[in-house]
Amino acid sequence: MERIGKFFFHGAFSGALLMLLALPAMSTELLPSWGEGEAKAAIVDFVTAVTTEGSSDYVPPADRVATFDNDGTLWSEQPLYVQLAFALDRIRDLAGDHPEWRDTEPFKSVLAGDMAGVIATGKHGLAQILAASHTGMSSEEFSRIAADWIATARHPKSGKLYTSMIYQPMLELLDYLRKNGFEIYIVSGGGIEFMRPWAEKVYGIPPENVIGSSIRTRYELRDGQPVLMRLPEIDHIDDKEGKPVGINKFIGKRPIAAFGNSDGDFQMLEWTTSGEGRRLGLLIHHDDAEREVAYDRTSAIGKLDRGLDEAPERGWVIVSMKTDWTRIFPK
């Protein structure tokens, strides 16, 4: 009997010792690409508070809604928005059917690879590019085109697939929130039907949880088959003030956490953190010129100015890519 007691004692002691020895390793697995600092601590403290039953900050799983911007928050947006790169490639692909484009702006500049010329055409030129590249086909056709393009398209600077230019720390954050019962949505200024075909494969976010800018569609019968045709008319711009509108329209409840990187996300964070109870607003600051691109207040893409000024007084977390992330992209 004594031998059995010693066996169980030593077994229990050994098991406890192994658990204690494993604790440091277990702790490092939590958001491993995030450096130990205020940003990571704020995230963990928030999640712990809203998921601990009995806590004054506890939030039931049904109300644990988190919204994420896409461009510049989940993947790289420099030197140009990925969807704009898609639109430019579409113009080149379609040019054979439009010989008049060789002498007509903004298409002339697109075909010549003259980005300065494209920019000079302004919003009107961009609208023409988007209309020519994004409309005139069914929603299903457009989804196939977008999926085929994203499968092979490469970043102009790194040469990597765009789907490899995603931020490893944010992938870890998405996974961390999922494991803690959060429902995650993309809320982006990008096109909703451009993102939906690949968001689940890249981020694990299903199509129904993707909210973005949209154009009008019309139900038609083509060759006896029902289709939704994409029209050259704007339906919703999911940027700035449009983000809370889109959230309310598609989700129907206010998030308790919102993540962005630019002033285009300001109203989403403002809307989120103005609600009752514990809230989290977080902005990614692109300040790492060595490992990515450094930009903020004066950038034409992903401008972050007002957010930098007002985040401290609003209690929002500012994440420094340079100091808070130990790694930027997946290996």
C-alpha atoms as a PDB file:
ATOM      1  CA  MET A   1       0.000   0.000   0.000  1.00  0.00           C
ATOM      2  CA  GLU A   2       2.869   2.321   0.902  1.00  0.00           C
ATOM      3  CA  ARG A   3       4.522   1.609  -2.448  1.00  0.00           C
ATOM      4  CA  ILE A   4       1.242   2.451  -4.223  1.00  0.00           C
ATOM      5  CA  GLY A   5       0.982   5.682  -2.242  1.00  0.00           C
ATOM      6  CA  LYS A   6       4.531   6.612  -3.179  1.00  0.00           C
ATOM      7  CA  PHE A   7       3.780   5.792  -6.816  1.00  0.00           C
ATOM      8  CA  PHE A   8       0.776   8.092  -6.907  1.00  0.00           C
ATOM      9  CA  PHE A   9       2.607  10.793  -4.957  1.00  0.00           C
ATOM     10  CA  HIS A  10       5.590  10.731  -7.277  1.00  0.00           C
ATOM     11  CA  GLY A  11       3.284  10.541 -10.308  1.00  0.00           C
ATOM     12  CA  ALA A  12       1.256  13.528  -9.170  1.00  0.00           C
ATOM     13  CA  PHE A  13       4.407  15.450  -8.257  1.00  0.00           C
ATOM     14  CA  SER A  14       5.979  14.690 -11.640  1.00  0.00           C
ATOM     15  CA  GLY A  15       2.804  15.722 -13.438  1.00  0.00           C
ATOM     16  CA  ALA A  16       2.596  18.983 -11.515  1.00  0.00           C
ATOM     17  CA  LEU A  17       6.260  19.656 -12.179  1.00  0.00           C
ATOM     18  CA  LEU A  18       5.794  19.079 -15.895  1.00  0.00           C
ATOM     19  CA  MET A  19       2.828  21.456 -15.922  1.00  0.00           C
ATOM     20  CA  LEU A  20       4.836  24.143 -14.157  1.00  0.00           C
ATOM     21  CA  LEU A  21       7.744  23.707 -16.534  1.00  0.00           C
ATOM     22  CA  ALA A  22       5.362  23.950 -19.473  1.00  0.00           C
ATOM     23  CA  LEU A  23       3.786  27.222 -18.349  1.00  0.00           C
ATOM     24  CA  PRO A  24       6.383  29.564 -19.899  1.00  0.00           C
ATOM     25  CA  ALA A  25       6.152  27.707 -23.212  1.00  0.00           C
ATOM     26  CA  MET A  26       2.358  27.875 -23.111  1.00  0.00           C
ATOM     27  CA  SER A  27       2.393  31.602 -22.432  1.00  0.00           C
ATOM     28  CA  THR A  28       4.678  32.297 -25.370  1.00  0.00           C
ATOM     29  CA  GLU A  29       2.201  30.591 -27.695  1.00  0.00           C
ATOM     30  CA  LEU A  30      -0.332  33.363 -27.022  1.00  0.00           C
ATOM     31  CA  LEU A  31       0.019  35.901 -29.864  1.00  0.00           C
ATOM     32  CA  PRO A  32       3.632  34.771 -30.454  1.00  0.00           C
ATOM     33  CA  SER A  33       4.420  37.431 -33.078  1.00  0.00           C
ATOM     34  CA  TRP A  34       3.406  40.196 -30.674  1.00  0.00           C
ATOM     35  CA  GLY A  35       6.129  41.633 -28.470  1.00  0.00           C
ATOM     36  CA  GLU A  36       5.483  41.869 -24.752  1.00  0.00           C
ATOM     37  CA  GLY A  37       4.219  45.410 -24.261  1.00  0.00           C
ATOM     38  CA  GLU A  38       1.218  47.643 -23.694  1.00  0.00           C
ATOM     39  CA  ALA A  39      -0.528  46.745 -26.960  1.00  0.00           C
ATOM     40  CA  LYS A  40      -0.487  42.992 -26.405  1.00  0.00           C
ATOM     41  CA  ALA A  41      -1.397  43.446 -22.742  1.00  0.00           C
ATOM     42  CA  ALA A  42      -4.381  45.627 -23.666  1.00  0.00           C
ATOM     43  CA  ILE A  43      -5.688  42.980 -26.075  1.00  0.00           C
ATOM     44  CA  VAL A  44      -5.294  40.123 -23.597  1.00  0.00           C
ATOM     45  CA  ASP A  45      -6.782  42.143 -20.723  1.00  0.00           C
ATOM     46  CA  PHE A  46      -9.804  43.047 -22.839  1.00  0.00           C
ATOM     47  CA  VAL A  47     -10.441  39.501 -24.042  1.00  0.00           C
ATOM     48  CA  THR A  48      -9.989  38.098 -20.537  1.00  0.00           C
ATOM     49  CA  ALA A  49     -12.400  40.658 -19.079  1.00  0.00           C
ATOM     50  CA  VAL A  50     -15.226  40.132 -21.568  1.00  0.00           C
ATOM     51  CA  THR A  51     -14.977  36.324 -21.564  1.00  0.00           C
ATOM     52  CA  THR A  52     -14.704  35.678 -17.811  1.00  0.00           C
ATOM     53  CA  GLU A  53     -18.087  34.708 -16.388  1.00  0.00           C
ATOM     54  CA  GLY A  54     -18.840  36.637 -13.238  1.00  0.00           C
ATOM     55  CA  SER A  55     -16.737  39.576 -14.379  1.00  0.00           C
ATOM     56  CA  SER A  56     -18.459  42.962 -14.434  1.00  0.00           C
ATOM     57  CA  ASP A  57     -17.227  43.263 -18.039  1.00  0.00           C
ATOM     58  CA  TYR A  58     -18.505  39.846 -19.152  1.00  0.00           C
ATOM     59  CA  VAL A  59     -20.104  39.777 -22.600  1.00  0.00           C
ATOM     60  CA  PRO A  60     -22.161  36.755 -23.763  1.00  0.00           C
ATOM     61  CA  PRO A  61     -20.718  34.984 -26.836  1.00  0.00           C
ATOM     62  CA  ALA A  62     -23.643  36.131 -29.005  1.00  0.00           C
ATOM     63  CA  ASP A  63     -22.559  39.743 -28.513  1.00  0.00           C
ATOM     64  CA  ARG A  64     -18.813  39.256 -28.968  1.00  0.00           C
ATOM     65  CA  VAL A  65     -18.608  40.928 -32.362  1.00  0.00           C
ATOM     66  CA  ALA A  66     -15.244  42.119 -33.692  1.00  0.00           C
ATOM     67  CA  THR A  67     -14.765  44.052 -36.939  1.00  0.00           C
ATOM     68  CA  PHE A  68     -11.560  44.347 -38.945  1.00  0.00           C
ATOM     69  CA  ASP A  69     -10.602  46.633 -41.778  1.00  0.00           C
ATOM     70  CA  ASN A  70      -8.731  44.771 -44.525  1.00  0.00           C
ATOM     71  CA  ASP A  71      -6.322  46.985 -46.498  1.00  0.00           C
ATOM     72  CA  GLY A  72      -3.416  47.966 -44.265  1.00  0.00           C
ATOM     73  CA  THR A  73      -4.927  46.136 -41.291  1.00  0.00           C
ATOM     74  CA  LEU A  74      -4.921  42.491 -42.364  1.00  0.00           C
ATOM     75  CA  TRP A  75      -2.678  42.760 -45.433  1.00  0.00           C
ATOM     76  CA  SER A  76      -0.395  45.212 -47.196  1.00  0.00           C
ATOM     77  CA  GLU A  77      -1.936  48.186 -49.009  1.00  0.00           C
ATOM     78  CA  GLN A  78       1.248  49.747 -50.396  1.00  0.00           C
ATOM     79  CA  PRO A  79       2.277  50.804 -53.012  1.00  0.00           C
ATOM     80  CA  LEU A  80      -1.345  50.591 -54.235  1.00  0.00           C
ATOM     81  CA  TYR A  81      -4.574  48.998 -53.118  1.00  0.00           C
ATOM     82  CA  VAL A  82      -4.791  45.378 -54.224  1.00  0.00           C
ATOM     83  CA  GLN A  83      -8.195  45.899 -55.797  1.00  0.00           C
ATOM     84  CA  LEU A  84      -6.821  48.759 -57.878  1.00  0.00           C
ATOM     85  CA  ALA A  85      -4.078  46.432 -59.124  1.00  0.00           C
ATOM     86  CA  PHE A  86      -6.844  43.974 -60.040  1.00  0.00           C
ATOM     87  CA  ALA A  87      -8.762  46.675 -61.915  1.00  0.00           C
ATOM     88  CA  LEU A  88      -5.680  47.732 -63.886  1.00  0.00           C
ATOM     89  CA  ASP A  89      -4.942  44.129 -64.857  1.00  0.00           C
ATOM     90  CA  ARG A  90      -8.557  43.708 -65.954  1.00  0.00           C
ATOM     91  CA  ILE A  91      -8.257  46.738 -68.253  1.00  0.00           C
ATOM     92  CA  ARG A  92      -5.163  45.215 -69.847  1.00  0.00           C
ATOM     93  CA  ASP A  93      -6.950  41.886 -70.286  1.00  0.00           C
ATOM     94  CA  LEU A  94      -9.985  43.527 -71.886  1.00  0.00           C
ATOM     95  CA  ALA A  95      -8.043  45.932 -74.107  1.00  0.00           C
ATOM     96  CA  GLY A  96      -8.126  43.581 -77.103  1.00  0.00           C
ATOM     97  CA  ASP A  97     -11.886  44.079 -77.311  1.00  0.00           C
ATOM     98  CA  HIS A  98     -11.562  47.860 -77.017  1.00  0.00           C
ATOM     99  CA  PRO A  99      -9.102  49.277 -79.578  1.00  0.00           C
ATOM    100  CA  GLU A 100     -10.468  52.763 -78.822  1.00  0.00           C
ATOM    101  CA  TRP A 101      -8.841  52.608 -75.377  1.00  0.00           C
ATOM    102  CA  ARG A 102      -5.392  53.105 -76.925  1.00  0.00           C
ATOM    103  CA  ASP A 103      -6.271  56.761 -77.511  1.00  0.00           C
ATOM    104  CA  THR A 104      -8.717  57.393 -74.675  1.00  0.00           C
ATOM    105  CA  GLU A 105      -7.917  58.330 -71.085  1.00  0.00           C
ATOM    106  CA  PRO A 106      -7.704  56.904 -68.509  1.00  0.00           C
ATOM    107  CA  PHE A 107      -7.291  53.652 -70.437  1.00  0.00           C
ATOM    108  CA  LYS A 108      -4.438  55.009 -72.534  1.00  0.00           C
ATOM    109  CA  SER A 109      -2.356  55.621 -69.409  1.00  0.00           C
ATOM    110  CA  VAL A 110      -3.270  52.228 -67.927  1.00  0.00           C
ATOM    111  CA  LEU A 111      -2.131  50.411 -71.067  1.00  0.00           C
ATOM    112  CA  ALA A 112       1.067  52.460 -71.177  1.00  0.00           C
ATOM    113  CA  GLY A 113       1.837  51.677 -67.537  1.00  0.00           C
ATOM    114  CA  ASP A 114       1.745  55.396 -66.776  1.00  0.00           C
ATOM    115  CA  MET A 115       0.454  55.594 -63.198  1.00  0.00           C
ATOM    116  CA  ALA A 116       1.050  59.347 -63.061  1.00  0.00           C
ATOM    117  CA  GLY A 117      -1.249  59.672 -66.059  1.00  0.00           C
ATOM    118  CA  VAL A 118      -3.869  57.477 -64.399  1.00  0.00           C
ATOM    119  CA  ILE A 119      -3.741  59.560 -61.220  1.00  0.00           C
ATOM    120  CA  ALA A 120      -4.028  62.758 -63.259  1.00  0.00           C
ATOM    121  CA  THR A 121      -7.449  61.636 -64.521  1.00  0.00           C
ATOM    122  CA  GLY A 122      -8.742  61.957 -60.943  1.00  0.00           C
ATOM    123  CA  LYS A 123     -11.911  60.461 -59.508  1.00  0.00           C
ATOM    124  CA  HIS A 124     -13.638  60.510 -62.893  1.00  0.00           C
ATOM    125  CA  GLY A 125     -10.882  58.420 -64.430  1.00  0.00           C
ATOM    126  CA  LEU A 126     -10.935  55.976 -61.529  1.00  0.00           C
ATOM    127  CA  ALA A 127     -14.701  55.635 -61.871  1.00  0.00           C
ATOM    128  CA  GLN A 128     -14.271  54.785 -65.557  1.00  0.00           C
ATOM    129  CA  ILE A 129     -11.641  52.166 -64.746  1.00  0.00           C
ATOM    130  CA  LEU A 130     -13.838  50.556 -62.099  1.00  0.00           C
ATOM    131  CA  ALA A 131     -16.919  50.603 -64.324  1.00  0.00           C
ATOM    132  CA  ALA A 132     -15.067  48.949 -67.202  1.00  0.00           C
ATOM    133  CA  SER A 133     -13.354  46.342 -65.019  1.00  0.00           C
ATOM    134  CA  HIS A 134     -16.035  45.546 -62.441  1.00  0.00           C
ATOM    135  CA  THR A 135     -19.391  45.691 -64.253  1.00  0.00           C
ATOM    136  CA  GLY A 136     -21.180  44.162 -67.216  1.00  0.00           C
ATOM    137  CA  MET A 137     -20.979  40.605 -65.919  1.00  0.00           C
ATOM    138  CA  SER A 138     -22.924  38.503 -63.432  1.00  0.00           C
ATOM    139  CA  SER A 139     -21.946  38.342 -59.780  1.00  0.00           C
ATOM    140  CA  GLU A 140     -20.901  34.716 -60.234  1.00  0.00           C
ATOM    141  CA  GLU A 141     -18.712  35.586 -63.220  1.00  0.00           C
ATOM    142  CA  PHE A 142     -17.077  38.406 -61.295  1.00  0.00           C
ATOM    143  CA  SER A 143     -16.393  36.127 -58.323  1.00  0.00           C
ATOM    144  CA  ARG A 144     -14.649  33.624 -60.600  1.00  0.00           C
ATOM    145  CA  ILE A 145     -12.577  36.381 -62.212  1.00  0.00           C
ATOM    146  CA  ALA A 146     -11.526  37.745 -58.810  1.00  0.00           C
ATOM    147  CA  ALA A 147     -10.699  34.280 -57.452  1.00  0.00           C
ATOM    148  CA  ASP A 148      -8.620  33.379 -60.519  1.00  0.00           C
ATOM    149  CA  TRP A 149      -6.730  36.673 -60.334  1.00  0.00           C
ATOM    150  CA  ILE A 150      -5.908  36.535 -56.616  1.00  0.00           C
ATOM    151  CA  ALA A 151      -4.618  32.966 -57.017  1.00  0.00           C
ATOM    152  CA  THR A 152      -1.690  34.136 -59.168  1.00  0.00           C
ATOM    153  CA  ALA A 153      -1.332  37.922 -58.759  1.00  0.00           C
ATOM    154  CA  ARG A 154       1.884  39.114 -57.146  1.00  0.00           C
ATOM    155  CA  HIS A 155       2.919  42.147 -55.162  1.00  0.00           C
ATOM    156  CA  PRO A 156       4.915  44.578 -57.355  1.00  0.00           C
ATOM    157  CA  LYS A 157       7.678  45.095 -54.774  1.00  0.00           C
ATOM    158  CA  SER A 158       8.120  41.762 -52.987  1.00  0.00           C
ATOM    159  CA  GLY A 159       7.185  39.519 -55.906  1.00  0.00           C
ATOM    160  CA  LYS A 160       5.157  37.386 -53.492  1.00  0.00           C
ATOM    161  CA  LEU A 161       1.534  36.421 -53.950  1.00  0.00           C
ATOM    162  CA  TYR A 162      -0.759  39.086 -52.539  1.00  0.00           C
ATOM    163  CA  THR A 163      -2.212  36.395 -50.305  1.00  0.00           C
ATOM    164  CA  SER A 164       1.250  36.026 -48.756  1.00  0.00           C
ATOM    165  CA  MET A 165       1.376  39.735 -47.909  1.00  0.00           C
ATOM    166  CA  ILE A 166      -0.881  39.238 -44.901  1.00  0.00           C
ATOM    167  CA  TYR A 167       0.190  40.195 -41.403  1.00  0.00           C
ATOM    168  CA  GLN A 168       1.140  37.240 -39.216  1.00  0.00           C
ATOM    169  CA  PRO A 169       0.335  39.046 -35.933  1.00  0.00           C
ATOM    170  CA  MET A 170      -3.173  39.783 -37.193  1.00  0.00           C
ATOM    171  CA  LEU A 171      -3.720  36.155 -38.221  1.00  0.00           C
ATOM    172  CA  GLU A 172      -2.809  35.213 -34.658  1.00  0.00           C
ATOM    173  CA  LEU A 173      -5.204  37.830 -33.311  1.00  0.00           C
ATOM    174  CA  LEU A 174      -8.046  36.502 -35.473  1.00  0.00           C
ATOM    175  CA  ASP A 175      -7.392  32.996 -34.172  1.00  0.00           C
ATOM    176  CA  TYR A 176      -7.163  34.208 -30.566  1.00  0.00           C
ATOM    177  CA  LEU A 177     -10.517  35.955 -30.806  1.00  0.00           C
ATOM    178  CA  ARG A 178     -12.173  32.948 -32.464  1.00  0.00           C
ATOM    179  CA  LYS A 179     -10.977  30.675 -29.676  1.00  0.00           C
ATOM    180  CA  ASN A 180     -12.578  33.078 -27.222  1.00  0.00           C
ATOM    181  CA  GLY A 181     -15.995  32.996 -28.851  1.00  0.00           C
ATOM    182  CA  PHE A 182     -15.857  36.115 -31.020  1.00  0.00           C
ATOM    183  CA  GLU A 183     -17.728  36.434 -34.311  1.00  0.00           C
ATOM    184  CA  ILE A 184     -15.357  38.170 -36.718  1.00  0.00           C
ATOM    185  CA  TYR A 185     -16.269  40.396 -39.651  1.00  0.00           C
ATOM    186  CA  ILE A 186     -14.269  42.211 -42.303  1.00  0.00           C
ATOM    187  CA  VAL A 187     -15.546  45.784 -42.721  1.00  0.00           C
ATOM    188  CA  SER A 188     -13.566  47.270 -45.589  1.00  0.00           C
ATOM    189  CA  GLY A 189     -13.725  50.051 -48.125  1.00  0.00           C
ATOM    190  CA  GLY A 190     -12.799  47.408 -50.695  1.00  0.00           C
ATOM    191  CA  GLY A 191     -15.375  45.723 -52.889  1.00  0.00           C
ATOM    192  CA  ILE A 192     -17.521  43.181 -51.098  1.00  0.00           C
ATOM    193  CA  GLU A 193     -17.646  40.833 -54.104  1.00  0.00           C
ATOM    194  CA  PHE A 194     -13.918  41.236 -54.694  1.00  0.00           C
ATOM    195  CA  MET A 195     -13.085  40.023 -51.161  1.00  0.00           C
ATOM    196  CA  ARG A 196     -15.686  37.331 -50.628  1.00  0.00           C
ATOM    197  CA  PRO A 197     -14.234  34.713 -53.028  1.00  0.00           C
ATOM    198  CA  TRP A 198     -10.934  34.413 -51.116  1.00  0.00           C
ATOM    199  CA  ALA A 199     -11.412  35.832 -47.581  1.00  0.00           C
ATOM    200  CA  GLU A 200     -12.260  32.466 -46.043  1.00  0.00           C
ATOM    201  CA  LYS A 201      -9.211  30.727 -47.493  1.00  0.00           C
ATOM    202  CA  VAL A 202      -6.850  33.547 -46.508  1.00  0.00           C
ATOM    203  CA  TYR A 203      -8.302  34.674 -43.162  1.00  0.00           C
ATOM    204  CA  GLY A 204     -10.814  32.014 -42.199  1.00  0.00           C
ATOM    205  CA  ILE A 205     -13.613  34.589 -42.509  1.00  0.00           C
ATOM    206  CA  PRO A 206     -16.636  33.246 -44.461  1.00  0.00           C
ATOM    207  CA  PRO A 207     -18.271  35.254 -47.282  1.00  0.00           C
ATOM    208  CA  GLU A 208     -21.321  36.154 -45.204  1.00  0.00           C
ATOM    209  CA  ASN A 209     -19.016  37.890 -42.700  1.00  0.00           C
ATOM    210  CA  VAL A 210     -17.449  40.171 -45.305  1.00  0.00           C
ATOM    211  CA  ILE A 211     -18.811  43.718 -45.557  1.00  0.00           C
ATOM    212  CA  GLY A 212     -17.508  46.145 -48.155  1.00  0.00           C
ATOM    213  CA  SER A 213     -18.343  48.680 -50.802  1.00  0.00           C
ATOM    214  CA  SER A 214     -20.837  47.468 -53.373  1.00  0.00           C
ATOM    215  CA  ILE A 215     -22.406  48.293 -56.702  1.00  0.00           C
ATOM    216  CA  ARG A 216     -26.014  47.757 -57.665  1.00  0.00           C
ATOM    217  CA  THR A 217     -27.131  44.476 -59.159  1.00  0.00           C
ATOM    218  CA  ARG A 218     -30.194  43.538 -61.166  1.00  0.00           C
ATOM    219  CA  TYR A 219     -31.976  40.216 -61.417  1.00  0.00           C
ATOM    220  CA  GLU A 220     -32.206  38.994 -65.018  1.00  0.00           C
ATOM    221  CA  LEU A 221     -32.742  35.850 -67.033  1.00  0.00           C
ATOM    222  CA  ARG A 222     -29.846  35.049 -69.343  1.00  0.00           C
ATOM    223  CA  ASP A 223     -30.346  32.066 -71.653  1.00  0.00           C
ATOM    224  CA  GLY A 224     -33.171  31.011 -69.374  1.00  0.00           C
ATOM    225  CA  GLN A 225     -30.984  31.120 -66.267  1.00  0.00           C
ATOM    226  CA  PRO A 226     -31.444  33.598 -63.403  1.00  0.00           C
ATOM    227  CA  VAL A 227     -28.417  35.824 -62.763  1.00  0.00           C
ATOM    228  CA  LEU A 228     -27.543  38.965 -60.840  1.00  0.00           C
ATOM    229  CA  MET A 229     -25.977  41.431 -63.262  1.00  0.00           C
ATOM    230  CA  ARG A 230     -23.489  43.994 -61.970  1.00  0.00           C
ATOM    231  CA  LEU A 231     -24.465  47.536 -62.946  1.00  0.00           C
ATOM    232  CA  PRO A 232     -22.242  50.636 -63.262  1.00  0.00           C
ATOM    233  CA  GLU A 233     -23.983  52.244 -60.285  1.00  0.00           C
ATOM    234  CA  ILE A 234     -22.728  52.668 -56.717  1.00  0.00           C
ATOM    235  CA  ASP A 235     -24.813  51.003 -54.016  1.00  0.00           C
ATOM    236  CA  HIS A 236     -22.744  51.609 -50.848  1.00  0.00           C
ATOM    237  CA  ILE A 237     -19.323  53.095 -50.048  1.00  0.00           C
ATOM    238  CA  ASP A 238     -18.098  51.224 -46.995  1.00  0.00           C
ATOM    239  CA  ASP A 239     -15.534  53.780 -45.865  1.00  0.00           C
ATOM    240  CA  LYS A 240     -15.442  56.405 -43.105  1.00  0.00           C
ATOM    241  CA  GLU A 241     -19.068  57.200 -42.147  1.00  0.00           C
ATOM    242  CA  GLY A 242     -20.181  54.325 -44.360  1.00  0.00           C
ATOM    243  CA  LYS A 243     -18.600  51.703 -42.099  1.00  0.00           C
ATOM    244  CA  PRO A 244     -21.007  52.064 -39.152  1.00  0.00           C
ATOM    245  CA  VAL A 245     -23.861  52.172 -41.680  1.00  0.00           C
ATOM    246  CA  GLY A 246     -22.663  48.915 -43.235  1.00  0.00           C
ATOM    247  CA  ILE A 247     -22.170  47.317 -39.821  1.00  0.00           C
ATOM    248  CA  ASN A 248     -25.703  48.192 -38.772  1.00  0.00           C
ATOM    249  CA  LYS A 249     -27.149  47.039 -42.092  1.00  0.00           C
ATOM    250  CA  PHE A 250     -25.381  43.680 -42.298  1.00  0.00           C
ATOM    251  CA  ILE A 251     -24.618  42.744 -38.674  1.00  0.00           C
ATOM    252  CA  GLY A 252     -27.440  44.459 -36.819  1.00  0.00           C
ATOM    253  CA  LYS A 253     -25.501  45.032 -33.610  1.00  0.00           C
ATOM    254  CA  ARG A 254     -22.656  47.250 -32.457  1.00  0.00           C
ATOM    255  CA  PRO A 255     -19.240  45.533 -32.249  1.00  0.00           C
ATOM    256  CA  ILE A 256     -17.361  45.442 -28.951  1.00  0.00           C
ATOM    257  CA  ALA A 257     -13.971  45.506 -30.701  1.00  0.00           C
ATOM    258  CA  ALA A 258     -12.821  47.215 -33.893  1.00  0.00           C
ATOM    259  CA  PHE A 259      -9.453  47.146 -35.631  1.00  0.00           C
ATOM    260  CA  GLY A 260      -8.158  49.473 -38.348  1.00  0.00           C
ATOM    261  CA  ASN A 261      -5.131  51.396 -39.555  1.00  0.00           C
ATOM    262  CA  SER A 262      -6.287  54.632 -41.146  1.00  0.00           C
ATOM    263  CA  ASP A 263      -8.595  57.603 -40.764  1.00  0.00           C
ATOM    264  CA  GLY A 264     -10.992  55.697 -43.013  1.00  0.00           C
ATOM    265  CA  ASP A 265     -11.562  53.453 -39.986  1.00  0.00           C
ATOM    266  CA  PHE A 266     -12.068  56.307 -37.515  1.00  0.00           C
ATOM    267  CA  GLN A 267     -15.869  56.237 -37.506  1.00  0.00           C
ATOM    268  CA  MET A 268     -15.929  52.445 -37.127  1.00  0.00           C
ATOM    269  CA  LEU A 269     -13.774  52.683 -33.999  1.00  0.00           C
ATOM    270  CA  GLU A 270     -15.756  55.677 -32.756  1.00  0.00           C
ATOM    271  CA  TRP A 271     -19.061  53.826 -33.215  1.00  0.00           C
ATOM    272  CA  THR A 272     -17.707  50.695 -31.547  1.00  0.00           C
ATOM    273  CA  THR A 273     -16.134  52.317 -28.504  1.00  0.00           C
ATOM    274  CA  SER A 274     -19.096  54.629 -27.853  1.00  0.00           C
ATOM    275  CA  GLY A 275     -21.247  51.696 -26.790  1.00  0.00           C
ATOM    276  CA  GLU A 276     -21.907  50.614 -23.221  1.00  0.00           C
ATOM    277  CA  GLY A 277     -19.602  48.222 -21.391  1.00  0.00           C
ATOM    278  CA  ARG A 278     -16.004  47.241 -22.030  1.00  0.00           C
ATOM    279  CA  ARG A 279     -14.823  48.121 -25.558  1.00  0.00           C
ATOM    280  CA  LEU A 280     -11.614  47.923 -27.586  1.00  0.00           C
ATOM    281  CA  GLY A 281     -10.510  50.176 -30.431  1.00  0.00           C
ATOM    282  CA  LEU A 282      -7.138  49.483 -32.031  1.00  0.00           C
ATOM    283  CA  LEU A 283      -5.161  51.143 -34.830  1.00  0.00           C
ATOM    284  CA  ILE A 284      -2.152  49.656 -36.620  1.00  0.00           C
ATOM    285  CA  HIS A 285       0.557  52.291 -37.135  1.00  0.00           C
ATOM    286  CA  HIS A 286       2.759  51.614 -40.151  1.00  0.00           C
ATOM    287  CA  ASP A 287       6.065  52.880 -38.771  1.00  0.00           C
ATOM    288  CA  ASP A 288       8.436  50.117 -39.898  1.00  0.00           C
ATOM    289  CA  ALA A 289      10.296  51.246 -43.013  1.00  0.00           C
ATOM    290  CA  GLU A 290      12.756  48.364 -42.812  1.00  0.00           C
ATOM    291  CA  ARG A 291      10.368  45.411 -42.716  1.00  0.00           C
ATOM    292  CA  GLU A 292       7.379  46.977 -44.497  1.00  0.00           C
ATOM    293  CA  VAL A 293       6.590  50.624 -45.367  1.00  0.00           C
ATOM    294  CA  ALA A 294       6.491  53.628 -43.032  1.00  0.00           C
ATOM    295  CA  TYR A 295       3.571  55.984 -43.678  1.00  0.00           C
ATOM    296  CA  ASP A 296       0.864  57.850 -41.802  1.00  0.00           C
ATOM    297  CA  ARG A 297      -0.182  61.529 -41.828  1.00  0.00           C
ATOM    298  CA  THR A 298       0.597  62.511 -45.415  1.00  0.00           C
ATOM    299  CA  SER A 299       0.110  59.227 -47.249  1.00  0.00           C
ATOM    300  CA  ALA A 300      -2.317  59.095 -50.178  1.00  0.00           C
ATOM    301  CA  ILE A 301      -2.986  55.469 -49.225  1.00  0.00           C
ATOM    302  CA  GLY A 302      -3.862  54.560 -45.648  1.00  0.00           C
ATOM    303  CA  LYS A 303      -3.572  58.074 -44.234  1.00  0.00           C
ATOM    304  CA  LEU A 304      -3.515  58.056 -40.431  1.00  0.00           C
ATOM    305  CA  ASP A 305      -3.670  61.579 -39.030  1.00  0.00           C
ATOM    306  CA  ARG A 306      -6.758  62.250 -36.944  1.00  0.00           C
ATOM    307  CA  GLY A 307      -6.535  58.753 -35.499  1.00  0.00           C
ATOM    308  CA  LEU A 308      -3.016  59.374 -34.201  1.00  0.00           C
ATOM    309  CA  ASP A 309      -4.099  62.634 -32.593  1.00  0.00           C
ATOM    310  CA  GLU A 310      -7.287  61.428 -30.922  1.00  0.00           C
ATOM    311  CA  ALA A 311      -6.521  57.795 -30.060  1.00  0.00           C
ATOM    312  CA  PRO A 312      -4.983  58.527 -26.621  1.00  0.00           C
ATOM    313  CA  GLU A 313      -7.920  60.592 -25.342  1.00  0.00           C
ATOM    314  CA  ARG A 314     -10.392  58.043 -26.693  1.00  0.00           C
ATOM    315  CA  GLY A 315      -8.566  55.152 -25.053  1.00  0.00           C
ATOM    316  CA  TRP A 316      -7.741  53.461 -28.347  1.00  0.00           C
ATOM    317  CA  VAL A 317      -4.665  51.271 -28.628  1.00  0.00           C
ATOM    318  CA  ILE A 318      -2.021  52.277 -31.174  1.00  0.00           C
ATOM    319  CA  VAL A 319       0.078  49.329 -32.324  1.00  0.00           C
ATOM    320  CA  SER A 320       3.568  50.125 -33.550  1.00  0.00           C
ATOM    321  CA  MET A 321       4.521  47.633 -36.243  1.00  0.00           C
ATOM    322  CA  LYS A 322       8.152  48.444 -35.491  1.00  0.00           C
ATOM    323  CA  THR A 323       8.118  47.778 -31.756  1.00  0.00           C
ATOM    324  CA  ASP A 324       4.997  45.691 -31.078  1.00  0.00           C
ATOM    325  CA  TRP A 325       5.395  43.083 -33.799  1.00  0.00           C
ATOM    326  CA  THR A 326       8.324  40.679 -33.768  1.00  0.00           C
ATOM    327  CA  ARG A 327       7.398  39.484 -37.246  1.00  0.00           C
ATOM    328  CA  ILE A 328       5.385  41.103 -40.039  1.00  0.00           C
ATOM    329  CA  PHE A 329       4.616  38.409 -42.615  1.00  0.00           C
ATOM    330  CA  PRO A 330       4.220  34.622 -42.384  1.00  0.00           C
ATOM    331  CA  LYS A 331       7.302  32.539 -43.079  1.00  0.00           C
END
